[in-house]
Amino acid sequence: MSSLDELLAAIRKYNAEIGHEKAWEKLRDRIMSSNASKEYWFKLLDDVEAFFSSNAPEEEKKKLRGYTERLAIMIDSFDGTYWNQS
């Protein structure tokens, strides 16, 4: 096997191990985005709720919870209902 093949194999292995780049990190990055589209934020809310309903590790859910206030504020700025849920 050539050095290039070994390098590519190592990259594939690395991507397989972290290639999903922890879903919570992707969601965190999206929450920290400066996108102002109403559709963007409501889609993100759906994705975050799906993540919390998933079988993701509790540790990852806990990490993401630290970023959800921004999401709630953005949602509330569009419809004023997020903080008023009972």
Protein backbone atom coordinates (compact mmCIF):
# COMPACT_ATOMS: atom_id res chain seq x y z
CA MET A 1 0.00 0.00 0.00
CA SER A 2 1.38 3.40 -0.94
CA SER A 3 1.71 6.32 1.44
CA LEU A 4 -1.17 8.04 -0.33
CA ASP A 5 -3.39 4.97 0.10
CA GLU A 6 -2.47 4.81 3.78
CA LEU A 7 -3.24 8.48 4.22
CA LEU A 8 -6.59 8.12 2.48
CA ALA A 9 -7.42 5.08 4.61
CA ALA A 10 -6.56 7.03 7.76
CA ILE A 11 -8.74 9.93 6.63
CA ARG A 12 -11.65 7.57 5.91
CA LYS A 13 -11.26 5.99 9.34
CA TYR A 14 -11.11 9.39 11.01
CA ASN A 15 -14.19 10.57 9.12
CA ALA A 16 -16.05 7.39 10.03
CA GLU A 17 -15.26 7.92 13.69
CA ILE A 18 -16.12 11.61 13.84
CA GLY A 19 -17.53 12.12 10.39
CA HIS A 20 -20.97 12.65 11.79
CA GLU A 21 -19.25 15.53 13.62
CA LYS A 22 -21.46 15.05 16.60
CA ALA A 23 -24.96 16.17 15.74
CA TRP A 24 -25.08 18.50 18.73
CA GLU A 25 -22.07 20.42 17.39
CA LYS A 26 -23.72 20.90 14.00
CA LEU A 27 -26.88 22.13 15.71
CA ARG A 28 -24.84 24.43 17.96
CA ASP A 29 -23.12 25.91 14.91
CA ARG A 30 -26.47 26.47 13.26
CA ILE A 31 -27.83 28.15 16.40
CA MET A 32 -24.84 30.48 16.45
CA SER A 33 -25.43 31.40 12.80
CA SER A 34 -26.35 34.95 11.89
CA ASN A 35 -29.06 33.78 9.49
CA ALA A 36 -32.13 35.97 9.91
CA SER A 37 -34.60 33.92 7.90
CA LYS A 38 -37.76 32.96 9.78
CA GLU A 39 -37.87 29.66 7.89
CA TYR A 40 -34.26 28.92 8.89
CA TRP A 41 -35.01 29.32 12.61
CA PHE A 42 -38.23 27.31 12.57
CA LYS A 43 -36.54 24.48 10.66
CA LEU A 44 -33.71 24.61 13.18
CA LEU A 45 -36.22 24.44 16.03
CA ASP A 46 -37.70 21.28 14.48
CA ASP A 47 -34.23 19.78 14.13
CA VAL A 48 -33.27 20.62 17.72
CA GLU A 49 -36.52 19.14 19.06
CA ALA A 50 -35.89 15.98 17.00
CA PHE A 51 -32.38 15.77 18.45
CA PHE A 52 -33.73 16.00 22.01
CA SER A 53 -36.26 13.27 21.19
CA SER A 54 -33.58 11.03 19.70
CA ASN A 55 -31.41 8.45 21.40
CA ALA A 56 -28.41 10.79 21.36
CA PRO A 57 -26.26 10.56 24.50
CA GLU A 58 -27.56 12.64 27.39
CA GLU A 59 -24.17 14.32 27.67
CA GLU A 60 -24.54 15.69 24.13
CA LYS A 61 -28.11 16.82 24.83
CA LYS A 62 -26.88 18.63 27.93
CA LYS A 63 -24.17 20.40 25.91
CA LEU A 64 -26.70 21.57 23.33
CA ARG A 65 -29.12 22.83 25.99
CA GLY A 66 -26.54 25.49 26.81
CA TYR A 67 -27.15 27.06 23.40
CA THR A 68 -30.92 26.79 23.09
CA GLU A 69 -31.76 30.08 24.78
CA ARG A 70 -30.58 31.92 21.66
CA LEU A 71 -32.83 29.69 19.57
CA ALA A 72 -35.79 30.40 21.85
CA ILE A 73 -35.17 34.13 21.66
CA MET A 74 -35.00 34.02 17.87
CA ILE A 75 -38.22 32.01 17.62
CA ASP A 76 -39.93 34.36 20.06
CA SER A 77 -38.84 37.36 17.99
CA PHE A 78 -40.85 35.95 15.07
CA ASP A 79 -44.06 34.84 16.74
CA GLY A 80 -43.97 35.73 20.44
CA THR A 81 -45.23 32.32 21.51
CA TYR A 82 -42.15 30.35 22.53
CA TRP A 83 -41.85 31.73 26.05
CA ASN A 84 -45.63 31.63 26.55
CA GLN A 85 -46.02 27.86 26.20
CA SER A 86 -47.61 26.18 29.19
